[in-house]
Amino acid sequence: MLLEKYNFLHTTLLILVLPGTCMVIGDGVLTPVISGSEQCLRLLATSLTLQSRYV
């Protein structure tokens, strides 16, 4: 095969595939964390708003 013959093709393929793989894994990890943080901040803001009304 052509890929087995040339080492620079291995390196090129690695350089092209590795960032894409990192983005997919990062998206799977960061998206739930971001949405969870958003939910906590929204809850905190609501709580602070309700407390300020009763003071």
Protein backbone atom coordinates (compact mmCIF):
# COMPACT_ATOMS: atom_id res chain seq x y z
CA MET A 1 0.00 0.00 0.00
CA LEU A 2 0.98 3.59 -0.52
CA LEU A 3 0.54 4.50 3.14
CA GLU A 4 2.87 1.74 4.30
CA LYS A 5 5.55 2.79 1.84
CA TYR A 6 6.00 6.43 2.82
CA ASN A 7 6.58 7.58 6.39
CA PHE A 8 5.67 11.19 5.65
CA LEU A 9 2.14 10.05 4.75
CA HIS A 10 1.86 8.46 8.21
CA THR A 11 2.89 11.76 9.78
CA THR A 12 0.55 13.77 7.55
CA LEU A 13 -2.37 11.52 8.39
CA LEU A 14 -1.57 11.77 12.09
CA ILE A 15 -1.43 15.57 11.92
CA LEU A 16 -4.78 15.68 10.13
CA VAL A 17 -6.63 13.14 12.28
CA LEU A 18 -5.33 13.96 15.77
CA PRO A 19 -6.81 17.49 16.08
CA GLY A 20 -10.18 16.24 14.83
CA THR A 21 -10.17 13.44 17.37
CA CYS A 22 -9.24 15.86 20.14
CA MET A 23 -12.12 18.15 19.14
CA VAL A 24 -14.63 15.31 19.22
CA ILE A 25 -13.45 14.09 22.62
CA GLY A 26 -13.27 17.63 23.97
CA ASP A 27 -16.78 18.37 22.75
CA GLY A 28 -18.08 15.27 24.49
CA VAL A 29 -16.46 16.33 27.76
CA LEU A 30 -16.88 20.11 27.71
CA THR A 31 -20.46 20.43 26.47
CA PRO A 32 -22.07 18.70 29.46
CA VAL A 33 -19.83 20.64 31.85
CA ILE A 34 -20.74 23.96 30.26
CA SER A 35 -24.47 23.24 30.30
CA GLY A 36 -24.24 22.04 33.94
CA SER A 37 -22.43 25.22 34.93
CA GLU A 38 -25.03 27.32 33.15
CA GLN A 39 -27.79 25.56 35.04
CA CYS A 40 -26.06 26.12 38.39
CA LEU A 41 -25.50 29.81 37.66
CA ARG A 42 -29.13 30.25 36.62
CA LEU A 43 -30.28 28.59 39.84
CA LEU A 44 -27.94 30.78 41.91
CA ALA A 45 -29.16 33.95 40.17
CA THR A 46 -32.78 32.98 40.79
CA SER A 47 -32.03 32.25 44.43
CA LEU A 48 -30.29 35.60 44.93
CA THR A 49 -33.16 37.43 43.23
CA LEU A 50 -35.72 35.79 45.49
CA GLN A 51 -33.68 36.55 48.61
CA SER A 52 -33.33 40.22 47.71
CA ARG A 53 -37.11 40.54 47.31
CA TYR A 54 -37.78 39.28 50.83
CA VAL A 55 -35.15 41.40 52.57
